[in-house]
Amino acid sequence: MPTTNIEIFSAICILLTGSLVIGILIGEFSSIMSDMSETANRQNEELDMMTSVMMGLKLPEEIQLNVLDYYLALQSCKYVHND
């Protein structure tokens, strides 16, 4: 337990600094999670649009699967190369 004024002031400063750091970390983590969610939603919308267009064009199922496989492979390369 802090007994002198200097110890009490130091303890308060340390607690405030720790609280600030924890707050910043939680905020950054939630921002990262939000960005990941937006990216996933955008990719799902693109996949849905591609599927709808291919079905509208009445492409054979084999070609549709090849296009979707290519798109998914292309997306996975973006994460590997950090594009």
PDB file of N, CA and C in Angstrom:
ATOM      1  N   MET A   1       0.832  -1.182   0.000  1.00  0.00           N
ATOM      2  CA  MET A   1       0.000   0.000   0.000  1.00  0.00           C
ATOM      3  C   MET A   1       0.878   1.247   0.000  1.00  0.00           C
ATOM      4  N   PRO A   2       0.540   2.181  -0.870  1.00  0.00           N
ATOM      5  CA  PRO A   2       1.301   3.432  -0.886  1.00  0.00           C
ATOM      6  C   PRO A   2       0.982   4.261   0.367  1.00  0.00           C
ATOM      7  N   THR A   3       2.013   4.818   0.933  1.00  0.00           N
ATOM      8  CA  THR A   3       1.808   5.586   2.172  1.00  0.00           C
ATOM      9  C   THR A   3       2.114   7.070   2.005  1.00  0.00           C
ATOM     10  N   THR A   4       3.105   7.389   1.191  1.00  0.00           N
ATOM     11  CA  THR A   4       3.442   8.807   1.015  1.00  0.00           C
ATOM     12  C   THR A   4       2.697   9.375  -0.192  1.00  0.00           C
ATOM     13  N   ASN A   5       2.688  10.704  -0.262  1.00  0.00           N
ATOM     14  CA  ASN A   5       2.012  11.363  -1.380  1.00  0.00           C
ATOM     15  C   ASN A   5       2.644  11.006  -2.722  1.00  0.00           C
ATOM     16  N   ILE A   6       3.945  10.870  -2.763  1.00  0.00           N
ATOM     17  CA  ILE A   6       4.640  10.508  -4.004  1.00  0.00           C
ATOM     18  C   ILE A   6       4.232   9.104  -4.441  1.00  0.00           C
ATOM     19  N   GLU A   7       4.147   8.171  -3.512  1.00  0.00           N
ATOM     20  CA  GLU A   7       3.735   6.807  -3.837  1.00  0.00           C
ATOM     21  C   GLU A   7       2.289   6.780  -4.333  1.00  0.00           C
ATOM     22  N   ILE A   8       1.427   7.530  -3.705  1.00  0.00           N
ATOM     23  CA  ILE A   8       0.018   7.581  -4.125  1.00  0.00           C
ATOM     24  C   ILE A   8      -0.077   8.185  -5.528  1.00  0.00           C
ATOM     25  N   PHE A   9       0.625   9.286  -5.771  1.00  0.00           N
ATOM     26  CA  PHE A   9       0.610   9.917  -7.093  1.00  0.00           C
ATOM     27  C   PHE A   9       1.167   8.964  -8.153  1.00  0.00           C
ATOM     28  N   SER A  10       2.248   8.258  -7.833  1.00  0.00           N
ATOM     29  CA  SER A  10       2.843   7.304  -8.771  1.00  0.00           C
ATOM     30  C   SER A  10       1.866   6.168  -9.079  1.00  0.00           C
ATOM     31  N   ALA A  11       1.205   5.656  -8.047  1.00  0.00           N
ATOM     32  CA  ALA A  11       0.248   4.563  -8.243  1.00  0.00           C
ATOM     33  C   ALA A  11      -0.919   5.009  -9.127  1.00  0.00           C
ATOM     34  N   ILE A  12      -1.397   6.223  -8.904  1.00  0.00           N
ATOM     35  CA  ILE A  12      -2.499   6.759  -9.719  1.00  0.00           C
ATOM     36  C   ILE A  12      -2.055   6.896 -11.173  1.00  0.00           C
ATOM     37  N   CYS A  13      -0.861   7.421 -11.394  1.00  0.00           N
ATOM     38  CA  CYS A  13      -0.350   7.576 -12.763  1.00  0.00           C
ATOM     39  C   CYS A  13      -0.195   6.222 -13.459  1.00  0.00           C
ATOM     40  N   ILE A  14       0.317   5.256 -12.734  1.00  0.00           N
ATOM     41  CA  ILE A  14       0.498   3.919 -13.304  1.00  0.00           C
ATOM     42  C   ILE A  14      -0.853   3.295 -13.643  1.00  0.00           C
ATOM     43  N   LEU A  15      -1.830   3.432 -12.759  1.00  0.00           N
ATOM     44  CA  LEU A  15      -3.157   2.883 -13.021  1.00  0.00           C
ATOM     45  C   LEU A  15      -3.822   3.561 -14.223  1.00  0.00           C
ATOM     46  N   LEU A  16      -3.717   4.879 -14.304  1.00  0.00           N
ATOM     47  CA  LEU A  16      -4.295   5.602 -15.442  1.00  0.00           C
ATOM     48  C   LEU A  16      -3.621   5.214 -16.754  1.00  0.00           C
ATOM     49  N   THR A  17      -2.305   5.091 -16.734  1.00  0.00           N
ATOM     50  CA  THR A  17      -1.574   4.688 -17.933  1.00  0.00           C
ATOM     51  C   THR A  17      -1.969   3.271 -18.352  1.00  0.00           C
ATOM     52  N   GLY A  18      -2.076   2.370 -17.408  1.00  0.00           N
ATOM     53  CA  GLY A  18      -2.489   1.002 -17.713  1.00  0.00           C
ATOM     54  C   GLY A  18      -3.897   0.955 -18.284  1.00  0.00           C
ATOM     55  N   SER A  19      -4.798   1.733 -17.719  1.00  0.00           N
ATOM     56  CA  SER A  19      -6.171   1.786 -18.226  1.00  0.00           C
ATOM     57  C   SER A  19      -6.205   2.331 -19.652  1.00  0.00           C
ATOM     58  N   LEU A  20      -5.400   3.341 -19.920  1.00  0.00           N
ATOM     59  CA  LEU A  20      -5.326   3.919 -21.254  1.00  0.00           C
ATOM     60  C   LEU A  20      -4.800   2.896 -22.262  1.00  0.00           C
ATOM     61  N   VAL A  21      -3.761   2.182 -21.902  1.00  0.00           N
ATOM     62  CA  VAL A  21      -3.189   1.168 -22.790  1.00  0.00           C
ATOM     63  C   VAL A  21      -4.212   0.069 -23.072  1.00  0.00           C
ATOM     64  N   ILE A  22      -4.898  -0.407 -22.049  1.00  0.00           N
ATOM     65  CA  ILE A  22      -5.923  -1.443 -22.225  1.00  0.00           C
ATOM     66  C   ILE A  22      -7.031  -0.927 -23.140  1.00  0.00           C
ATOM     67  N   GLY A  23      -7.461   0.304 -22.954  1.00  0.00           N
ATOM     68  CA  GLY A  23      -8.499   0.891 -23.798  1.00  0.00           C
ATOM     69  C   GLY A  23      -8.076   0.976 -25.255  1.00  0.00           C
ATOM     70  N   ILE A  24      -6.837   1.390 -25.483  1.00  0.00           N
ATOM     71  CA  ILE A  24      -6.323   1.481 -26.853  1.00  0.00           C
ATOM     72  C   ILE A  24      -6.256   0.099 -27.489  1.00  0.00           C
ATOM     73  N   LEU A  25      -5.771  -0.885 -26.751  1.00  0.00           N
ATOM     74  CA  LEU A  25      -5.689  -2.251 -27.283  1.00  0.00           C
ATOM     75  C   LEU A  25      -7.065  -2.804 -27.646  1.00  0.00           C
ATOM     76  N   ILE A  26      -8.035  -2.607 -26.792  1.00  0.00           N
ATOM     77  CA  ILE A  26      -9.394  -3.096 -27.071  1.00  0.00           C
ATOM     78  C   ILE A  26      -9.970  -2.376 -28.286  1.00  0.00           C
ATOM     79  N   GLY A  27      -9.751  -1.078 -28.396  1.00  0.00           N
ATOM     80  CA  GLY A  27     -10.228  -0.320 -29.548  1.00  0.00           C
ATOM     81  C   GLY A  27      -9.594  -0.788 -30.848  1.00  0.00           C
ATOM     82  N   GLU A  28      -8.294  -1.020 -30.840  1.00  0.00           N
ATOM     83  CA  GLU A  28      -7.609  -1.499 -32.039  1.00  0.00           C
ATOM     84  C   GLU A  28      -8.081  -2.889 -32.422  1.00  0.00           C
ATOM     85  N   PHE A  29      -8.272  -3.750 -31.444  1.00  0.00           N
ATOM     86  CA  PHE A  29      -8.741  -5.106 -31.716  1.00  0.00           C
ATOM     87  C   PHE A  29     -10.126  -5.078 -32.346  1.00  0.00           C
ATOM     88  N   SER A  30     -11.013  -4.253 -31.822  1.00  0.00           N
ATOM     89  CA  SER A  30     -12.362  -4.184 -32.389  1.00  0.00           C
ATOM     90  C   SER A  30     -12.324  -3.584 -33.788  1.00  0.00           C
ATOM     91  N   SER A  31     -11.433  -2.652 -34.048  1.00  0.00           N
ATOM     92  CA  SER A  31     -11.284  -2.079 -35.382  1.00  0.00           C
ATOM     93  C   SER A  31     -10.809  -3.136 -36.378  1.00  0.00           C
ATOM     94  N   ILE A  32      -9.855  -3.944 -35.968  1.00  0.00           N
ATOM     95  CA  ILE A  32      -9.348  -5.019 -36.830  1.00  0.00           C
ATOM     96  C   ILE A  32     -10.453  -6.026 -37.126  1.00  0.00           C
ATOM     97  N   MET A  33     -11.211  -6.386 -36.120  1.00  0.00           N
ATOM     98  CA  MET A  33     -12.307  -7.344 -36.318  1.00  0.00           C
ATOM     99  C   MET A  33     -13.372  -6.772 -37.252  1.00  0.00           C
ATOM    100  N   SER A  34     -13.649  -5.493 -37.136  1.00  0.00           N
ATOM    101  CA  SER A  34     -14.632  -4.842 -38.005  1.00  0.00           C
ATOM    102  C   SER A  34     -14.155  -4.850 -39.455  1.00  0.00           C
ATOM    103  N   ASP A  35     -12.870  -4.547 -39.665  1.00  0.00           N
ATOM    104  CA  ASP A  35     -12.315  -4.566 -41.018  1.00  0.00           C
ATOM    105  C   ASP A  35     -12.378  -5.959 -41.625  1.00  0.00           C
ATOM    106  N   MET A  36     -12.094  -6.971 -40.824  1.00  0.00           N
ATOM    107  CA  MET A  36     -12.158  -8.348 -41.315  1.00  0.00           C
ATOM    108  C   MET A  36     -13.581  -8.713 -41.695  1.00  0.00           C
ATOM    109  N   SER A  37     -14.532  -8.273 -40.909  1.00  0.00           N
ATOM    110  CA  SER A  37     -15.933  -8.564 -41.191  1.00  0.00           C
ATOM    111  C   SER A  37     -16.373  -7.884 -42.487  1.00  0.00           C
ATOM    112  N   GLU A  38     -15.968  -6.634 -42.692  1.00  0.00           N
ATOM    113  CA  GLU A  38     -16.316  -5.916 -43.914  1.00  0.00           C
ATOM    114  C   GLU A  38     -15.709  -6.591 -45.136  1.00  0.00           C
ATOM    115  N   THR A  39     -14.467  -7.054 -45.017  1.00  0.00           N
ATOM    116  CA  THR A  39     -13.807  -7.733 -46.128  1.00  0.00           C
ATOM    117  C   THR A  39     -14.527  -9.032 -46.462  1.00  0.00           C
ATOM    118  N   ALA A  40     -14.892  -9.788 -45.448  1.00  0.00           N
ATOM    119  CA  ALA A  40     -15.603 -11.049 -45.672  1.00  0.00           C
ATOM    120  C   ALA A  40     -16.963 -10.791 -46.318  1.00  0.00           C
ATOM    121  N   ASN A  41     -17.670  -9.771 -45.864  1.00  0.00           N
ATOM    122  CA  ASN A  41     -18.971  -9.441 -46.457  1.00  0.00           C
ATOM    123  C   ASN A  41     -18.817  -9.038 -47.918  1.00  0.00           C
ATOM    124  N   ARG A  42     -17.802  -8.255 -48.233  1.00  0.00           N
ATOM    125  CA  ARG A  42     -17.567  -7.835 -49.609  1.00  0.00           C
ATOM    126  C   ARG A  42     -17.264  -9.031 -50.501  1.00  0.00           C
ATOM    127  N   GLN A  43     -16.444  -9.960 -50.000  1.00  0.00           N
ATOM    128  CA  GLN A  43     -16.112 -11.153 -50.772  1.00  0.00           C
ATOM    129  C   GLN A  43     -17.348 -12.027 -50.994  1.00  0.00           C
ATOM    130  N   ASN A  44     -18.190 -12.156 -49.985  1.00  0.00           N
ATOM    131  CA  ASN A  44     -19.411 -12.940 -50.148  1.00  0.00           C
ATOM    132  C   ASN A  44     -20.340 -12.298 -51.165  1.00  0.00           C
ATOM    133  N   GLU A  45     -20.434 -10.972 -51.165  1.00  0.00           N
ATOM    134  CA  GLU A  45     -21.263 -10.278 -52.149  1.00  0.00           C
ATOM    135  C   GLU A  45     -20.722 -10.483 -53.561  1.00  0.00           C
ATOM    136  N   GLU A  46     -19.397 -10.431 -53.708  1.00  0.00           N
ATOM    137  CA  GLU A  46     -18.796 -10.674 -55.021  1.00  0.00           C
ATOM    138  C   GLU A  46     -19.073 -12.094 -55.500  1.00  0.00           C
ATOM    139  N   LEU A  47     -18.945 -13.068 -54.597  1.00  0.00           N
ATOM    140  CA  LEU A  47     -19.237 -14.457 -54.965  1.00  0.00           C
ATOM    141  C   LEU A  47     -20.698 -14.631 -55.371  1.00  0.00           C
ATOM    142  N   ASP A  48     -21.595 -14.027 -54.624  1.00  0.00           N
ATOM    143  CA  ASP A  48     -23.019 -14.114 -54.948  1.00  0.00           C
ATOM    144  C   ASP A  48     -23.306 -13.487 -56.315  1.00  0.00           C
ATOM    145  N   MET A  49     -22.681 -12.334 -56.578  1.00  0.00           N
ATOM    146  CA  MET A  49     -22.894 -11.660 -57.854  1.00  0.00           C
ATOM    147  C   MET A  49     -22.354 -12.512 -59.008  1.00  0.00           C
ATOM    148  N   MET A  50     -21.156 -13.078 -58.820  1.00  0.00           N
ATOM    149  CA  MET A  50     -20.574 -13.914 -59.859  1.00  0.00           C
ATOM    150  C   MET A  50     -21.451 -15.129 -60.131  1.00  0.00           C
ATOM    151  N   THR A  51     -21.942 -15.749 -59.082  1.00  0.00           N
ATOM    152  CA  THR A  51     -22.798 -16.924 -59.241  1.00  0.00           C
ATOM    153  C   THR A  51     -24.083 -16.557 -59.974  1.00  0.00           C
ATOM    154  N   SER A  52     -24.669 -15.435 -59.614  1.00  0.00           N
ATOM    155  CA  SER A  52     -25.908 -14.999 -60.267  1.00  0.00           C
ATOM    156  C   SER A  52     -25.685 -14.723 -61.751  1.00  0.00           C
ATOM    157  N   VAL A  53     -24.587 -14.049 -62.070  1.00  0.00           N
ATOM    158  CA  VAL A  53     -24.293 -13.737 -63.474  1.00  0.00           C
ATOM    159  C   VAL A  53     -24.066 -15.016 -64.267  1.00  0.00           C
ATOM    160  N   MET A  54     -23.293 -15.931 -63.695  1.00  0.00           N
ATOM    161  CA  MET A  54     -23.014 -17.178 -64.412  1.00  0.00           C
ATOM    162  C   MET A  54     -24.274 -18.000 -64.621  1.00  0.00           C
ATOM    163  N   MET A  55     -25.150 -18.001 -63.618  1.00  0.00           N
ATOM    164  CA  MET A  55     -26.410 -18.723 -63.773  1.00  0.00           C
ATOM    165  C   MET A  55     -27.293 -18.030 -64.807  1.00  0.00           C
ATOM    166  N   GLY A  56     -27.269 -16.692 -64.818  1.00  0.00           N
ATOM    167  CA  GLY A  56     -28.036 -15.939 -65.808  1.00  0.00           C
ATOM    168  C   GLY A  56     -27.557 -16.194 -67.222  1.00  0.00           C
ATOM    169  N   LEU A  57     -26.250 -16.393 -67.376  1.00  0.00           N
ATOM    170  CA  LEU A  57     -25.685 -16.700 -68.685  1.00  0.00           C
ATOM    171  C   LEU A  57     -25.836 -18.179 -69.039  1.00  0.00           C
ATOM    172  N   LYS A  58     -26.324 -18.952 -68.087  1.00  0.00           N
ATOM    173  CA  LYS A  58     -26.529 -20.398 -68.256  1.00  0.00           C
ATOM    174  C   LYS A  58     -25.238 -21.110 -68.656  1.00  0.00           C
ATOM    175  N   LEU A  59     -24.173 -20.737 -67.952  1.00  0.00           N
ATOM    176  CA  LEU A  59     -22.893 -21.411 -68.176  1.00  0.00           C
ATOM    177  C   LEU A  59     -22.964 -22.827 -67.628  1.00  0.00           C
ATOM    178  N   PRO A  60     -22.243 -23.752 -68.247  1.00  0.00           N
ATOM    179  CA  PRO A  60     -22.211 -25.115 -67.700  1.00  0.00           C
ATOM    180  C   PRO A  60     -21.656 -25.118 -66.277  1.00  0.00           C
ATOM    181  N   GLU A  61     -22.129 -26.049 -65.488  1.00  0.00           N
ATOM    182  CA  GLU A  61     -21.745 -26.100 -64.071  1.00  0.00           C
ATOM    183  C   GLU A  61     -20.241 -26.257 -63.902  1.00  0.00           C
ATOM    184  N   GLU A  62     -19.606 -27.017 -64.778  1.00  0.00           N
ATOM    185  CA  GLU A  62     -18.165 -27.233 -64.676  1.00  0.00           C
ATOM    186  C   GLU A  62     -17.404 -25.916 -64.833  1.00  0.00           C
ATOM    187  N   ILE A  63     -17.834 -25.089 -65.777  1.00  0.00           N
ATOM    188  CA  ILE A  63     -17.179 -23.788 -65.975  1.00  0.00           C
ATOM    189  C   ILE A  63     -17.435 -22.891 -64.765  1.00  0.00           C
ATOM    190  N   GLN A  64     -18.652 -22.916 -64.234  1.00  0.00           N
ATOM    191  CA  GLN A  64     -18.956 -22.117 -63.045  1.00  0.00           C
ATOM    192  C   GLN A  64     -18.042 -22.505 -61.891  1.00  0.00           C
ATOM    193  N   LEU A  65     -17.873 -23.800 -61.677  1.00  0.00           N
ATOM    194  CA  LEU A  65     -17.000 -24.261 -60.587  1.00  0.00           C
ATOM    195  C   LEU A  65     -15.551 -23.838 -60.822  1.00  0.00           C
ATOM    196  N   ASN A  66     -15.105 -23.916 -62.082  1.00  0.00           N
ATOM    197  CA  ASN A  66     -13.730 -23.494 -62.394  1.00  0.00           C
ATOM    198  C   ASN A  66     -13.540 -22.008 -62.116  1.00  0.00           C
ATOM    199  N   VAL A  67     -14.515 -21.198 -62.495  1.00  0.00           N
ATOM    200  CA  VAL A  67     -14.423 -19.750 -62.257  1.00  0.00           C
ATOM    201  C   VAL A  67     -14.392 -19.462 -60.756  1.00  0.00           C
ATOM    202  N   LEU A  68     -15.273 -20.124 -60.007  1.00  0.00           N
ATOM    203  CA  LEU A  68     -15.300 -19.901 -58.552  1.00  0.00           C
ATOM    204  C   LEU A  68     -14.014 -20.381 -57.887  1.00  0.00           C
ATOM    205  N   ASP A  69     -13.490 -21.513 -58.333  1.00  0.00           N
ATOM    206  CA  ASP A  69     -12.217 -22.004 -57.789  1.00  0.00           C
ATOM    207  C   ASP A  69     -11.096 -21.009 -58.064  1.00  0.00           C
ATOM    208  N   TYR A  70     -11.079 -20.469 -59.293  1.00  0.00           N
ATOM    209  CA  TYR A  70     -10.056 -19.484 -59.647  1.00  0.00           C
ATOM    210  C   TYR A  70     -10.185 -18.241 -58.773  1.00  0.00           C
ATOM    211  N   TYR A  71     -11.413 -17.764 -58.590  1.00  0.00           N
ATOM    212  CA  TYR A  71     -11.642 -16.570 -57.770  1.00  0.00           C
ATOM    213  C   TYR A  71     -11.167 -16.803 -56.337  1.00  0.00           C
ATOM    214  N   LEU A  72     -11.509 -17.953 -55.768  1.00  0.00           N
ATOM    215  CA  LEU A  72     -11.098 -18.252 -54.393  1.00  0.00           C
ATOM    216  C   LEU A  72      -9.582 -18.377 -54.283  1.00  0.00           C
ATOM    217  N   ALA A  73      -8.947 -18.984 -55.309  1.00  0.00           N
ATOM    218  CA  ALA A  73      -7.484 -19.087 -55.297  1.00  0.00           C
ATOM    219  C   ALA A  73      -6.856 -17.697 -55.393  1.00  0.00           C
ATOM    220  N   LEU A  74      -7.437 -16.837 -56.216  1.00  0.00           N
ATOM    221  CA  LEU A  74      -6.942 -15.475 -56.352  1.00  0.00           C
ATOM    222  C   LEU A  74      -7.065 -14.711 -55.039  1.00  0.00           C
ATOM    223  N   GLN A  75      -8.179 -14.889 -54.341  1.00  0.00           N
ATOM    224  CA  GLN A  75      -8.377 -14.224 -53.057  1.00  0.00           C
ATOM    225  C   GLN A  75      -7.382 -14.727 -52.016  1.00  0.00           C
ATOM    226  N   SER A  76      -7.098 -16.013 -52.019  1.00  0.00           N
ATOM    227  CA  SER A  76      -6.147 -16.543 -51.032  1.00  0.00           C
ATOM    228  C   SER A  76      -4.739 -16.028 -51.305  1.00  0.00           C
ATOM    229  N   CYS A  77      -4.409 -15.784 -52.573  1.00  0.00           N
ATOM    230  CA  CYS A  77      -3.087 -15.225 -52.901  1.00  0.00           C
ATOM    231  C   CYS A  77      -2.963 -13.795 -52.403  1.00  0.00           C
ATOM    232  N   LYS A  78      -4.070 -13.051 -52.374  1.00  0.00           N
ATOM    233  CA  LYS A  78      -4.014 -11.680 -51.874  1.00  0.00           C
ATOM    234  C   LYS A  78      -3.560 -11.649 -50.426  1.00  0.00           C
ATOM    235  N   TYR A  79      -4.003 -12.624 -49.627  1.00  0.00           N
ATOM    236  CA  TYR A  79      -3.617 -12.646 -48.222  1.00  0.00           C
ATOM    237  C   TYR A  79      -2.160 -13.070 -48.054  1.00  0.00           C
ATOM    238  N   VAL A  80      -1.692 -13.933 -48.940  1.00  0.00           N
ATOM    239  CA  VAL A  80      -0.313 -14.391 -48.831  1.00  0.00           C
ATOM    240  C   VAL A  80       0.656 -13.268 -49.204  1.00  0.00           C
ATOM    241  N   HIS A  81       0.306 -12.484 -50.248  1.00  0.00           N
ATOM    242  CA  HIS A  81       1.184 -11.423 -50.725  1.00  0.00           C
ATOM    243  C   HIS A  81       0.879 -10.068 -50.100  1.00  0.00           C
ATOM    244  N   ASN A  82      -0.117 -10.011 -49.218  1.00  0.00           N
ATOM    245  CA  ASN A  82      -0.502  -8.763 -48.533  1.00  0.00           C
ATOM    246  C   ASN A  82      -0.854  -7.640 -49.505  1.00  0.00           C
ATOM    247  N   ASP A  83      -1.579  -7.963 -50.561  1.00  0.00           N
ATOM    248  CA  ASP A  83      -2.031  -6.935 -51.521  1.00  0.00           C
ATOM    249  C   ASP A  83      -3.274  -6.264 -51.044  1.00  0.00           C
TER     250      ASP A  83
END
